Structure formats: structure tokens, C-alpha cells
């Protein structure tokens, strides 16, 4: 897949973000499709990859997420780009002057109180979210049960907090006539997906262990029941003729959901790819882990390094004499 010279990439870090897996995931992009639907847009790595390749030219893209902060931030970047950049530059200057103290002041005295006050997202809130994302621990977005953002400060020597040109490029993409951005549950877009649509689902991952749980993406989290509802919605979309690709952890429960008889009869096939995950409370448990891809898209191996393909798709290697 050719990539345009002006590649657009995410401006947010995101737990489970797919930038490092794009080379593998491209093997499951359908060659032809109608519209693109992404119910868990997150950092938007796959969306921006498709856009940069030209695959979305002349097609609609329907982007959703249940995280109101994320969608609010995207809308402010799209609609009030320069105001967000100006606020972010001020925050970046404060961080360079005061470091961690500035982080906690912004988080606890400005960001959380502003969110709690309601009234919708503003350029100031969007800039604070980007600042906290770029300087917080591993770029996590995590809420406690009271709905407060509680990620601690990260340990960065020289974090890049304000990438003005990237923000302008993302804003231009989000302003494209065919791009629709909404807050909402995954159920609505999957129920609407039909013949020829391409749906990419990257939900909050089912945890492999207690220390690897990141379900508090919203205050309500993403439960085992949510994973089952997602599986049902995916099977429905596949049976209506949509191309669906699902990324998730390789937790036994998830593997069972997508390899059960109902999923297989709908045409879903489960593969594994290796990804490096840097978010865990134990440093010893960070590193390459197997992730699951469930899809009804026929695997295409062109332009994909053999080492990035799932084992089931790798050609047999001849033994040396």
C-alpha cells in the first residue's frame, strides 16, 4: 500500500494504540470497501493510516468513541485548532519551568474541576488533555470511580508537548467532508454496518492479569459483559456483509468468544500477532505479548514482512541441507 508523502499520524498517546502494529494490520485491510467505521477510535492510528494511504479517498469515515474527553478533544482540535495550540504552548512553557508540580496543578486544580463543572469541551480543556497525555505516565487515560482523571506524572526528560504542525494536519483530516466524528457506544455503528462496509474494532482490552487491566477508559469501565456484547454485534455485522477486523488481548475468554462455533460459522478467523506493550505496574512484565486479531477479511500477505505475519500465514521455511 503506497503511503502519501504527507503522512498524518496521531497526536495522542493511547494505551493499546496500534501504530506499532500497522504493518501487520494492513494485511487485513480489504482491497475494496464502501465506508469505513471505527467504533473505538482511540488515537486513530488505523484511521490515519488508511487516510494517508489514500484508501479513504471518496469514501465516508464514521469515527466514534464512548470517551467524551477524547471526542471533545478531537472536536476542539478540528474546530478551534489555533486556540488549542495557543493554550497548549502556555501549558508546555509551565511544564518546562515547573515540571511535575505543574502537572499535578493542571490535573487537580484545573482539568478535573473543569470537567466536573460540565458545560462541554473547550479549547482550554482540550489543551489540558493533550498536555496531560503527553506528560502523564505512559500516555494513559484512566478515570477513578468518581470519574476523575488520576494518571500520575510520567518521567520524561524532554517530552514533546505541542506539535503544532501535527495538530493542524489532524484538524484538516477531521474537517474532510466525508469524516463524521461522534461520541457513542459501539453498538450503534456495528448495528448500522452492512454490505461492503469496513469496520475496525479496537476495544479496551480484556486484561491478561490484574496488573495489566486498563478497563477504566471511562468511569464505567469495559466489562466481560461488554466484551460479549461486542462479539454479538461483530457477528451480526459480519453476517450482513461487512468486513470486520477486531483487535484484542489474547486472554482465554476473548479467544473463546471469537473462536466459538457461532463466530466461526459467521466466517471469523482468529490469528495472533506480537506487540510490545510498555504499560504494566511490573516492569518485568512489559515487553512483547501476543495479541488477537479476529476477522472475516481474507489475509493478504503482500508488502508484509514475514516476521509480522501470524504463524498460520507464514510460508513453510525450507531446512538447510
C-alpha atoms as a PDB file:
ATOM      1  CA  UNK A   1       0.000   0.000   0.000  1.00  0.00           C
ATOM      2  CA  UNK A   2       1.638   3.261  -1.070  1.00  0.00           C
ATOM      3  CA  UNK A   3       1.874   5.942   1.602  1.00  0.00           C
ATOM      4  CA  UNK A   4       1.472   9.611   0.759  1.00  0.00           C
ATOM      5  CA  UNK A   5       4.414  11.901   1.440  1.00  0.00           C
ATOM      6  CA  UNK A   6       2.264  13.922   3.849  1.00  0.00           C
ATOM      7  CA  UNK A   7       1.579  11.109   6.313  1.00  0.00           C
ATOM      8  CA  UNK A   8      -0.792  12.114   9.113  1.00  0.00           C
ATOM      9  CA  UNK A   9      -0.202  10.408  12.461  1.00  0.00           C
ATOM     10  CA  UNK A  10      -1.929  10.543  15.885  1.00  0.00           C
ATOM     11  CA  UNK A  11      -1.147  13.393  18.253  1.00  0.00           C
ATOM     12  CA  UNK A  12      -2.215  11.439  21.357  1.00  0.00           C
ATOM     13  CA  UNK A  13      -0.550   8.506  23.056  1.00  0.00           C
ATOM     14  CA  UNK A  14      -3.069   5.791  23.856  1.00  0.00           C
ATOM     15  CA  UNK A  15      -2.978   2.548  25.795  1.00  0.00           C
ATOM     16  CA  UNK A  16      -3.110  -0.229  23.207  1.00  0.00           C
ATOM     17  CA  UNK A  17      -2.507   2.233  20.358  1.00  0.00           C
ATOM     18  CA  UNK A  18      -1.892   0.497  17.054  1.00  0.00           C
ATOM     19  CA  UNK A  19       0.960   2.469  15.467  1.00  0.00           C
ATOM     20  CA  UNK A  20       3.471  -0.303  16.040  1.00  0.00           C
ATOM     21  CA  UNK A  21       1.108  -2.948  14.651  1.00  0.00           C
ATOM     22  CA  UNK A  22       0.111  -1.134  11.468  1.00  0.00           C
ATOM     23  CA  UNK A  23       2.480  -3.163   9.313  1.00  0.00           C
ATOM     24  CA  UNK A  24       0.712  -6.344  10.406  1.00  0.00           C
ATOM     25  CA  UNK A  25      -2.815  -4.927  10.418  1.00  0.00           C
ATOM     26  CA  UNK A  26      -2.505  -3.685   6.821  1.00  0.00           C
ATOM     27  CA  UNK A  27      -2.637  -7.330   5.729  1.00  0.00           C
ATOM     28  CA  UNK A  28      -6.295  -7.353   6.825  1.00  0.00           C
ATOM     29  CA  UNK A  29      -7.365  -4.098   5.173  1.00  0.00           C
ATOM     30  CA  UNK A  30      -9.912  -5.102   2.488  1.00  0.00           C
ATOM     31  CA  UNK A  31      -8.911  -4.035  -1.022  1.00  0.00           C
ATOM     32  CA  UNK A  32     -12.338  -2.636  -1.782  1.00  0.00           C
ATOM     33  CA  UNK A  33     -14.957  -1.378   0.654  1.00  0.00           C
ATOM     34  CA  UNK A  34     -17.788   1.131   0.911  1.00  0.00           C
ATOM     35  CA  UNK A  35     -17.400   3.244   4.058  1.00  0.00           C
ATOM     36  CA  UNK A  36     -15.016   2.976   6.982  1.00  0.00           C
ATOM     37  CA  UNK A  37     -16.403   2.622  10.522  1.00  0.00           C
ATOM     38  CA  UNK A  38     -14.313   2.731  13.706  1.00  0.00           C
ATOM     39  CA  UNK A  39     -16.351   2.437  16.931  1.00  0.00           C
ATOM     40  CA  UNK A  40     -13.340   2.752  19.300  1.00  0.00           C
ATOM     41  CA  UNK A  41     -11.265   5.393  17.551  1.00  0.00           C
ATOM     42  CA  UNK A  42      -8.774   5.989  20.393  1.00  0.00           C
ATOM     43  CA  UNK A  43      -5.642   7.599  18.961  1.00  0.00           C
ATOM     44  CA  UNK A  44      -6.938   6.916  15.446  1.00  0.00           C
ATOM     45  CA  UNK A  45      -3.796   5.126  14.245  1.00  0.00           C
ATOM     46  CA  UNK A  46      -5.615   2.871  11.774  1.00  0.00           C
ATOM     47  CA  UNK A  47      -7.874   5.681  10.534  1.00  0.00           C
ATOM     48  CA  UNK A  48      -4.915   7.989   9.891  1.00  0.00           C
ATOM     49  CA  UNK A  49      -3.022   5.135   8.234  1.00  0.00           C
ATOM     50  CA  UNK A  50      -5.902   4.475   5.860  1.00  0.00           C
ATOM     51  CA  UNK A  51      -6.243   8.190   5.141  1.00  0.00           C
ATOM     52  CA  UNK A  52      -2.529   8.625   4.480  1.00  0.00           C
ATOM     53  CA  UNK A  53      -2.523   5.672   2.078  1.00  0.00           C
ATOM     54  CA  UNK A  54      -5.369   7.131   0.034  1.00  0.00           C
ATOM     55  CA  UNK A  55      -7.655   4.204   0.915  1.00  0.00           C
ATOM     56  CA  UNK A  56     -10.346   6.605   2.188  1.00  0.00           C
ATOM     57  CA  UNK A  57     -10.391   8.806  -0.914  1.00  0.00           C
ATOM     58  CA  UNK A  58     -14.016   9.206  -1.984  1.00  0.00           C
ATOM     59  CA  UNK A  59     -15.263   7.213   0.997  1.00  0.00           C
ATOM     60  CA  UNK A  60     -17.035   8.171   4.181  1.00  0.00           C
ATOM     61  CA  UNK A  61     -15.407   7.560   7.563  1.00  0.00           C
ATOM     62  CA  UNK A  62     -17.575   7.229  10.664  1.00  0.00           C
ATOM     63  CA  UNK A  63     -15.484   7.615  13.820  1.00  0.00           C
ATOM     64  CA  UNK A  64     -16.914   7.036  17.287  1.00  0.00           C
ATOM     65  CA  UNK A  65     -15.746   6.626  20.834  1.00  0.00           C
ATOM     66  CA  UNK A  66     -17.523   6.361  24.153  1.00  0.00           C
ATOM     67  CA  UNK A  67     -14.867   8.514  25.835  1.00  0.00           C
ATOM     68  CA  UNK A  68     -16.343  12.019  25.925  1.00  0.00           C
ATOM     69  CA  UNK A  69     -12.988  13.606  26.727  1.00  0.00           C
ATOM     70  CA  UNK A  70     -11.375  12.085  23.661  1.00  0.00           C
ATOM     71  CA  UNK A  71     -14.198  13.100  21.330  1.00  0.00           C
ATOM     72  CA  UNK A  72     -14.366  16.559  22.898  1.00  0.00           C
ATOM     73  CA  UNK A  73     -10.641  16.999  22.376  1.00  0.00           C
ATOM     74  CA  UNK A  74     -10.864  15.925  18.730  1.00  0.00           C
ATOM     75  CA  UNK A  75     -13.714  18.351  18.118  1.00  0.00           C
ATOM     76  CA  UNK A  76     -11.808  21.251  19.633  1.00  0.00           C
ATOM     77  CA  UNK A  77      -8.702  20.423  17.574  1.00  0.00           C
ATOM     78  CA  UNK A  78     -10.892  20.250  14.468  1.00  0.00           C
ATOM     79  CA  UNK A  79     -12.933  23.391  15.106  1.00  0.00           C
ATOM     80  CA  UNK A  80     -10.592  25.624  17.133  1.00  0.00           C
ATOM     81  CA  UNK A  81      -7.141  24.474  16.098  1.00  0.00           C
ATOM     82  CA  UNK A  82      -5.171  27.650  16.747  1.00  0.00           C
ATOM     83  CA  UNK A  83      -6.827  28.274  20.112  1.00  0.00           C
ATOM     84  CA  UNK A  84      -5.874  24.759  21.254  1.00  0.00           C
ATOM     85  CA  UNK A  85      -2.293  25.250  20.053  1.00  0.00           C
ATOM     86  CA  UNK A  86      -2.011  28.594  21.867  1.00  0.00           C
ATOM     87  CA  UNK A  87      -3.271  27.115  25.151  1.00  0.00           C
ATOM     88  CA  UNK A  88      -1.004  24.092  24.772  1.00  0.00           C
ATOM     89  CA  UNK A  89       2.068  26.254  24.210  1.00  0.00           C
ATOM     90  CA  UNK A  90       1.298  28.040  27.501  1.00  0.00           C
ATOM     91  CA  UNK A  91       0.973  24.714  29.321  1.00  0.00           C
ATOM     92  CA  UNK A  92       4.196  23.449  27.785  1.00  0.00           C
ATOM     93  CA  UNK A  93       6.039  26.539  28.998  1.00  0.00           C
ATOM     94  CA  UNK A  94       4.698  25.961  32.510  1.00  0.00           C
ATOM     95  CA  UNK A  95       5.882  22.356  32.441  1.00  0.00           C
ATOM     96  CA  UNK A  96       9.369  23.329  31.322  1.00  0.00           C
ATOM     97  CA  UNK A  97       9.544  25.776  34.216  1.00  0.00           C
ATOM     98  CA  UNK A  98       7.994  23.656  36.992  1.00  0.00           C
ATOM     99  CA  UNK A  99       7.841  20.068  35.803  1.00  0.00           C
ATOM    100  CA  UNK A 100       5.888  17.599  37.943  1.00  0.00           C
ATOM    101  CA  UNK A 101       4.445  20.291  40.226  1.00  0.00           C
ATOM    102  CA  UNK A 102       2.891  21.940  37.188  1.00  0.00           C
ATOM    103  CA  UNK A 103       1.448  18.595  36.018  1.00  0.00           C
ATOM    104  CA  UNK A 104      -0.400  17.960  39.269  1.00  0.00           C
ATOM    105  CA  UNK A 105      -1.595  21.552  39.487  1.00  0.00           C
ATOM    106  CA  UNK A 106      -3.102  21.325  35.995  1.00  0.00           C
ATOM    107  CA  UNK A 107      -4.607  17.888  36.664  1.00  0.00           C
ATOM    108  CA  UNK A 108      -6.112  18.521  40.105  1.00  0.00           C
ATOM    109  CA  UNK A 109      -6.843  22.249  40.164  1.00  0.00           C
ATOM    110  CA  UNK A 110      -7.910  22.889  36.584  1.00  0.00           C
ATOM    111  CA  UNK A 111      -8.608  19.811  34.422  1.00  0.00           C
ATOM    112  CA  UNK A 112     -10.712  17.716  36.820  1.00  0.00           C
ATOM    113  CA  UNK A 113     -12.682  20.672  38.243  1.00  0.00           C
ATOM    114  CA  UNK A 114     -13.432  21.952  34.721  1.00  0.00           C
ATOM    115  CA  UNK A 115     -14.634  18.519  33.638  1.00  0.00           C
ATOM    116  CA  UNK A 116     -16.798  18.180  36.757  1.00  0.00           C
ATOM    117  CA  UNK A 117     -18.389  21.565  36.136  1.00  0.00           C
ATOM    118  CA  UNK A 118     -19.848  20.355  32.845  1.00  0.00           C
ATOM    119  CA  UNK A 119     -20.725  22.749  30.068  1.00  0.00           C
ATOM    120  CA  UNK A 120     -18.962  20.903  27.285  1.00  0.00           C
ATOM    121  CA  UNK A 121     -15.420  20.838  25.989  1.00  0.00           C
ATOM    122  CA  UNK A 122     -13.421  23.990  25.343  1.00  0.00           C
ATOM    123  CA  UNK A 123     -10.054  24.664  23.675  1.00  0.00           C
ATOM    124  CA  UNK A 124      -8.586  25.063  27.174  1.00  0.00           C
ATOM    125  CA  UNK A 125      -9.816  21.616  28.249  1.00  0.00           C
ATOM    126  CA  UNK A 126      -8.584  20.044  25.019  1.00  0.00           C
ATOM    127  CA  UNK A 127      -5.137  21.580  25.509  1.00  0.00           C
ATOM    128  CA  UNK A 128      -5.017  20.304  29.098  1.00  0.00           C
ATOM    129  CA  UNK A 129      -5.935  16.802  27.955  1.00  0.00           C
ATOM    130  CA  UNK A 130      -3.167  16.810  25.339  1.00  0.00           C
ATOM    131  CA  UNK A 131      -0.662  18.184  27.857  1.00  0.00           C
ATOM    132  CA  UNK A 132      -1.571  15.559  30.482  1.00  0.00           C
ATOM    133  CA  UNK A 133      -1.475  12.851  27.833  1.00  0.00           C
ATOM    134  CA  UNK A 134       1.990  13.841  26.639  1.00  0.00           C
ATOM    135  CA  UNK A 135       3.463  14.157  30.148  1.00  0.00           C
ATOM    136  CA  UNK A 136       1.487  11.590  32.175  1.00  0.00           C
ATOM    137  CA  UNK A 137       2.567   8.026  32.890  1.00  0.00           C
ATOM    138  CA  UNK A 138       2.811   6.138  29.581  1.00  0.00           C
ATOM    139  CA  UNK A 139       0.117   8.278  27.985  1.00  0.00           C
ATOM    140  CA  UNK A 140      -2.623   6.528  29.944  1.00  0.00           C
ATOM    141  CA  UNK A 141      -6.169   7.809  30.131  1.00  0.00           C
ATOM    142  CA  UNK A 142      -7.646   6.431  33.347  1.00  0.00           C
ATOM    143  CA  UNK A 143     -10.571   7.524  35.498  1.00  0.00           C
ATOM    144  CA  UNK A 144     -11.349   6.571  39.078  1.00  0.00           C
ATOM    145  CA  UNK A 145     -14.837   5.630  40.229  1.00  0.00           C
ATOM    146  CA  UNK A 146     -15.691   9.290  40.756  1.00  0.00           C
ATOM    147  CA  UNK A 147     -14.882   9.937  37.123  1.00  0.00           C
ATOM    148  CA  UNK A 148     -11.691  11.873  37.910  1.00  0.00           C
ATOM    149  CA  UNK A 149      -8.593  11.619  35.748  1.00  0.00           C
ATOM    150  CA  UNK A 150      -5.978  10.153  38.096  1.00  0.00           C
ATOM    151  CA  UNK A 151      -2.939   9.243  35.988  1.00  0.00           C
ATOM    152  CA  UNK A 152       0.337  10.157  37.749  1.00  0.00           C
ATOM    153  CA  UNK A 153       3.065  12.230  36.138  1.00  0.00           C
ATOM    154  CA  UNK A 154       5.440  10.410  33.822  1.00  0.00           C
ATOM    155  CA  UNK A 155       9.201  10.502  33.911  1.00  0.00           C
ATOM    156  CA  UNK A 156      10.262  12.206  30.712  1.00  0.00           C
ATOM    157  CA  UNK A 157      13.417  14.206  30.151  1.00  0.00           C
ATOM    158  CA  UNK A 158      12.158  16.348  27.294  1.00  0.00           C
ATOM    159  CA  UNK A 159       8.571  15.482  26.312  1.00  0.00           C
ATOM    160  CA  UNK A 160       7.197  16.953  23.109  1.00  0.00           C
ATOM    161  CA  UNK A 161       4.030  18.583  24.324  1.00  0.00           C
ATOM    162  CA  UNK A 162       2.959  20.834  21.466  1.00  0.00           C
ATOM    163  CA  UNK A 163       3.419  19.575  17.909  1.00  0.00           C
ATOM    164  CA  UNK A 164       1.570  22.393  16.169  1.00  0.00           C
ATOM    165  CA  UNK A 165       2.008  21.094  12.627  1.00  0.00           C
ATOM    166  CA  UNK A 166       0.720  17.643  13.520  1.00  0.00           C
ATOM    167  CA  UNK A 167      -2.327  19.184  15.221  1.00  0.00           C
ATOM    168  CA  UNK A 168      -3.030  21.275  12.114  1.00  0.00           C
ATOM    169  CA  UNK A 169      -2.679  18.204   9.884  1.00  0.00           C
ATOM    170  CA  UNK A 170      -5.057  16.169  12.060  1.00  0.00           C
ATOM    171  CA  UNK A 171      -7.545  19.052  12.121  1.00  0.00           C
ATOM    172  CA  UNK A 172      -7.509  19.204   8.318  1.00  0.00           C
ATOM    173  CA  UNK A 173      -8.254  15.474   8.080  1.00  0.00           C
ATOM    174  CA  UNK A 174     -11.114  15.693  10.585  1.00  0.00           C
ATOM    175  CA  UNK A 175     -12.604  18.560   8.571  1.00  0.00           C
ATOM    176  CA  UNK A 176     -12.801  16.423   5.412  1.00  0.00           C
ATOM    177  CA  UNK A 177     -16.425  16.319   4.161  1.00  0.00           C
ATOM    178  CA  UNK A 178     -16.722  12.542   4.491  1.00  0.00           C
ATOM    179  CA  UNK A 179     -15.442  12.305   8.058  1.00  0.00           C
ATOM    180  CA  UNK A 180     -18.064  12.066  10.823  1.00  0.00           C
ATOM    181  CA  UNK A 181     -16.960  12.167  14.465  1.00  0.00           C
ATOM    182  CA  UNK A 182     -19.379  11.217  17.241  1.00  0.00           C
ATOM    183  CA  UNK A 183     -19.461  10.135  20.860  1.00  0.00           C
ATOM    184  CA  UNK A 184     -21.350   6.942  21.456  1.00  0.00           C
ATOM    185  CA  UNK A 185     -21.419   3.222  22.146  1.00  0.00           C
ATOM    186  CA  UNK A 186     -20.030   0.641  19.737  1.00  0.00           C
ATOM    187  CA  UNK A 187     -23.478  -0.874  19.340  1.00  0.00           C
ATOM    188  CA  UNK A 188     -24.888   1.886  17.127  1.00  0.00           C
ATOM    189  CA  UNK A 189     -22.265   1.779  14.344  1.00  0.00           C
ATOM    190  CA  UNK A 190     -21.988  -2.008  14.371  1.00  0.00           C
ATOM    191  CA  UNK A 191     -25.770  -2.332  14.094  1.00  0.00           C
ATOM    192  CA  UNK A 192     -25.659   0.016  11.092  1.00  0.00           C
ATOM    193  CA  UNK A 193     -22.727  -1.712   9.358  1.00  0.00           C
ATOM    194  CA  UNK A 194     -23.757  -3.567   6.242  1.00  0.00           C
ATOM    195  CA  UNK A 195     -22.675  -4.944   2.896  1.00  0.00           C
ATOM    196  CA  UNK A 196     -19.192  -3.778   1.927  1.00  0.00           C
ATOM    197  CA  UNK A 197     -18.509  -1.606   4.986  1.00  0.00           C
ATOM    198  CA  UNK A 198     -15.090  -1.943   6.640  1.00  0.00           C
ATOM    199  CA  UNK A 199     -15.288  -1.936  10.447  1.00  0.00           C
ATOM    200  CA  UNK A 200     -12.210  -1.868  12.657  1.00  0.00           C
ATOM    201  CA  UNK A 201     -12.813  -2.514  16.366  1.00  0.00           C
ATOM    202  CA  UNK A 202     -10.100  -1.869  18.932  1.00  0.00           C
ATOM    203  CA  UNK A 203     -11.952  -2.056  22.265  1.00  0.00           C
ATOM    204  CA  UNK A 204     -10.413  -1.696  25.718  1.00  0.00           C
ATOM    205  CA  UNK A 205      -8.511  -4.937  26.059  1.00  0.00           C
ATOM    206  CA  UNK A 206      -9.571  -7.783  28.296  1.00  0.00           C
ATOM    207  CA  UNK A 207      -6.814  -7.983  30.935  1.00  0.00           C
ATOM    208  CA  UNK A 208      -4.271 -10.782  30.896  1.00  0.00           C
ATOM    209  CA  UNK A 209      -3.669 -10.205  34.616  1.00  0.00           C
ATOM    210  CA  UNK A 210      -4.825  -7.899  37.422  1.00  0.00           C
ATOM    211  CA  UNK A 211      -1.805  -5.633  36.967  1.00  0.00           C
ATOM    212  CA  UNK A 212      -2.471  -5.337  33.233  1.00  0.00           C
ATOM    213  CA  UNK A 213      -6.072  -4.137  33.481  1.00  0.00           C
ATOM    214  CA  UNK A 214      -6.929  -0.880  31.696  1.00  0.00           C
ATOM    215  CA  UNK A 215     -10.715  -1.105  31.693  1.00  0.00           C
ATOM    216  CA  UNK A 216     -11.205   2.309  33.316  1.00  0.00           C
ATOM    217  CA  UNK A 217     -11.206   4.019  29.950  1.00  0.00           C
ATOM    218  CA  UNK A 218     -14.481   5.540  31.049  1.00  0.00           C
ATOM    219  CA  UNK A 219     -15.746   5.774  34.597  1.00  0.00           C
ATOM    220  CA  UNK A 220     -17.885   2.670  33.949  1.00  0.00           C
ATOM    221  CA  UNK A 221     -15.031   0.580  32.527  1.00  0.00           C
ATOM    222  CA  UNK A 222     -15.372  -2.166  29.911  1.00  0.00           C
ATOM    223  CA  UNK A 223     -16.556  -5.418  31.446  1.00  0.00           C
ATOM    224  CA  UNK A 224     -16.659  -9.062  30.395  1.00  0.00           C
ATOM    225  CA  UNK A 225     -20.309  -8.494  29.537  1.00  0.00           C
ATOM    226  CA  UNK A 226     -19.304  -5.610  27.268  1.00  0.00           C
ATOM    227  CA  UNK A 227     -16.842  -7.950  25.520  1.00  0.00           C
ATOM    228  CA  UNK A 228     -19.671 -10.437  24.930  1.00  0.00           C
ATOM    229  CA  UNK A 229     -21.998  -7.717  23.622  1.00  0.00           C
ATOM    230  CA  UNK A 230     -19.258  -6.597  21.266  1.00  0.00           C
ATOM    231  CA  UNK A 231     -18.778 -10.135  19.973  1.00  0.00           C
ATOM    232  CA  UNK A 232     -22.520 -10.430  19.274  1.00  0.00           C
ATOM    233  CA  UNK A 233     -22.521  -7.106  17.433  1.00  0.00           C
ATOM    234  CA  UNK A 234     -19.468  -8.095  15.389  1.00  0.00           C
ATOM    235  CA  UNK A 235     -21.067 -11.397  14.334  1.00  0.00           C
ATOM    236  CA  UNK A 236     -24.197  -9.514  13.295  1.00  0.00           C
ATOM    237  CA  UNK A 237     -22.209  -7.059  11.159  1.00  0.00           C
ATOM    238  CA  UNK A 238     -20.267  -9.891   9.506  1.00  0.00           C
ATOM    239  CA  UNK A 239     -23.475 -11.723   8.637  1.00  0.00           C
ATOM    240  CA  UNK A 240     -24.824  -8.568   6.990  1.00  0.00           C
ATOM    241  CA  UNK A 241     -21.775  -8.490   4.703  1.00  0.00           C
ATOM    242  CA  UNK A 242     -19.419  -6.100   6.477  1.00  0.00           C
ATOM    243  CA  UNK A 243     -15.667  -6.612   6.584  1.00  0.00           C
ATOM    244  CA  UNK A 244     -14.748  -6.600  10.276  1.00  0.00           C
ATOM    245  CA  UNK A 245     -11.344  -6.636  11.970  1.00  0.00           C
ATOM    246  CA  UNK A 246     -11.184  -6.875  15.774  1.00  0.00           C
ATOM    247  CA  UNK A 247      -8.047  -6.386  17.880  1.00  0.00           C
ATOM    248  CA  UNK A 248      -7.961  -7.583  21.462  1.00  0.00           C
ATOM    249  CA  UNK A 249      -5.744  -9.227  24.026  1.00  0.00           C
ATOM    250  CA  UNK A 250      -5.061 -12.947  23.858  1.00  0.00           C
ATOM    251  CA  UNK A 251      -6.935 -13.544  27.133  1.00  0.00           C
ATOM    252  CA  UNK A 252      -8.553 -17.010  27.080  1.00  0.00           C
ATOM    253  CA  UNK A 253     -12.047 -15.569  27.377  1.00  0.00           C
ATOM    254  CA  UNK A 254     -11.574 -13.352  24.334  1.00  0.00           C
ATOM    255  CA  UNK A 255     -10.080 -16.168  22.264  1.00  0.00           C
ATOM    256  CA  UNK A 256     -13.074 -18.320  23.150  1.00  0.00           C
ATOM    257  CA  UNK A 257     -15.518 -15.585  22.124  1.00  0.00           C
ATOM    258  CA  UNK A 258     -14.074 -15.312  18.631  1.00  0.00           C
ATOM    259  CA  UNK A 259     -13.281 -18.980  18.027  1.00  0.00           C
ATOM    260  CA  UNK A 260     -16.595 -20.428  19.213  1.00  0.00           C
ATOM    261  CA  UNK A 261     -18.881 -22.210  16.774  1.00  0.00           C
ATOM    262  CA  UNK A 262     -21.130 -19.184  16.198  1.00  0.00           C
ATOM    263  CA  UNK A 263     -18.160 -16.931  15.386  1.00  0.00           C
ATOM    264  CA  UNK A 264     -16.585 -19.497  13.073  1.00  0.00           C
ATOM    265  CA  UNK A 265     -19.866 -20.139  11.263  1.00  0.00           C
ATOM    266  CA  UNK A 266     -20.122 -16.393  10.575  1.00  0.00           C
ATOM    267  CA  UNK A 267     -16.699 -16.534   8.925  1.00  0.00           C
ATOM    268  CA  UNK A 268     -14.467 -15.131  11.665  1.00  0.00           C
ATOM    269  CA  UNK A 269     -10.896 -16.442  11.856  1.00  0.00           C
ATOM    270  CA  UNK A 270      -8.599 -15.810  14.833  1.00  0.00           C
ATOM    271  CA  UNK A 271      -4.888 -15.057  14.405  1.00  0.00           C
ATOM    272  CA  UNK A 272      -2.144 -13.848  16.737  1.00  0.00           C
ATOM    273  CA  UNK A 273       0.390 -11.081  16.250  1.00  0.00           C
ATOM    274  CA  UNK A 274       3.199  -9.958  18.521  1.00  0.00           C
ATOM    275  CA  UNK A 275       3.064  -6.483  20.025  1.00  0.00           C
ATOM    276  CA  UNK A 276       5.278  -4.694  22.507  1.00  0.00           C
ATOM    277  CA  UNK A 277       3.319  -3.346  25.439  1.00  0.00           C
ATOM    278  CA  UNK A 278       5.005  -0.904  27.798  1.00  0.00           C
ATOM    279  CA  UNK A 279       2.157  -0.422  30.294  1.00  0.00           C
ATOM    280  CA  UNK A 280       2.230  -2.656  33.349  1.00  0.00           C
ATOM    281  CA  UNK A 281       2.753  -1.982  37.029  1.00  0.00           C
ATOM    282  CA  UNK A 282       5.614  -4.508  36.905  1.00  0.00           C
ATOM    283  CA  UNK A 283       8.492  -3.546  34.606  1.00  0.00           C
ATOM    284  CA  UNK A 284       9.410  -7.215  34.255  1.00  0.00           C
ATOM    285  CA  UNK A 285       6.052  -7.917  32.637  1.00  0.00           C
ATOM    286  CA  UNK A 286       6.450  -5.283  29.927  1.00  0.00           C
ATOM    287  CA  UNK A 287       7.594  -6.414  26.516  1.00  0.00           C
ATOM    288  CA  UNK A 288       6.364  -8.487  23.547  1.00  0.00           C
ATOM    289  CA  UNK A 289       2.955 -10.086  24.063  1.00  0.00           C
ATOM    290  CA  UNK A 290       0.648 -11.976  21.731  1.00  0.00           C
ATOM    291  CA  UNK A 291      -2.443 -10.073  20.666  1.00  0.00           C
ATOM    292  CA  UNK A 292      -5.516 -11.447  18.980  1.00  0.00           C
ATOM    293  CA  UNK A 293      -6.967 -10.428  15.618  1.00  0.00           C
ATOM    294  CA  UNK A 294     -10.395 -11.783  14.697  1.00  0.00           C
ATOM    295  CA  UNK A 295     -11.633 -11.054  11.189  1.00  0.00           C
ATOM    296  CA  UNK A 296     -13.556 -12.279   8.171  1.00  0.00           C
ATOM    297  CA  UNK A 297     -11.151 -10.493   5.811  1.00  0.00           C
ATOM    298  CA  UNK A 298      -9.012 -12.824   3.751  1.00  0.00           C
ATOM    299  CA  UNK A 299      -5.384 -12.291   4.716  1.00  0.00           C
ATOM    300  CA  UNK A 300      -3.237 -10.531   2.138  1.00  0.00           C
ATOM    301  CA  UNK A 301       0.487 -11.089   2.509  1.00  0.00           C
ATOM    302  CA  UNK A 302       1.834  -8.571   0.033  1.00  0.00           C
ATOM    303  CA  UNK A 303       4.214  -5.967   1.470  1.00  0.00           C
ATOM    304  CA  UNK A 304       4.031  -7.506   4.949  1.00  0.00           C
ATOM    305  CA  UNK A 305       7.304  -8.781   6.473  1.00  0.00           C
ATOM    306  CA  UNK A 306       7.104 -12.492   7.261  1.00  0.00           C
ATOM    307  CA  UNK A 307       8.045 -11.887  10.898  1.00  0.00           C
ATOM    308  CA  UNK A 308       4.951  -9.671  11.314  1.00  0.00           C
ATOM    309  CA  UNK A 309       2.529 -12.248   9.936  1.00  0.00           C
ATOM    310  CA  UNK A 310       0.673 -14.624  12.241  1.00  0.00           C
ATOM    311  CA  UNK A 311       2.272 -18.054  12.361  1.00  0.00           C
ATOM    312  CA  UNK A 312      -0.644 -19.592  10.464  1.00  0.00           C
ATOM    313  CA  UNK A 313       0.062 -17.350   7.467  1.00  0.00           C
ATOM    314  CA  UNK A 314       3.822 -17.747   7.265  1.00  0.00           C
ATOM    315  CA  UNK A 315       5.198 -19.832   4.401  1.00  0.00           C
ATOM    316  CA  UNK A 316       6.969 -23.018   5.407  1.00  0.00           C
ATOM    317  CA  UNK A 317      10.707 -22.430   5.660  1.00  0.00           C
ATOM    318  CA  UNK A 318      12.960 -24.916   3.921  1.00  0.00           C
ATOM    319  CA  UNK A 319      15.500 -26.606   6.096  1.00  0.00           C
ATOM    320  CA  UNK A 320      19.115 -26.138   5.167  1.00  0.00           C
ATOM    321  CA  UNK A 321      20.753 -29.266   3.809  1.00  0.00           C
END
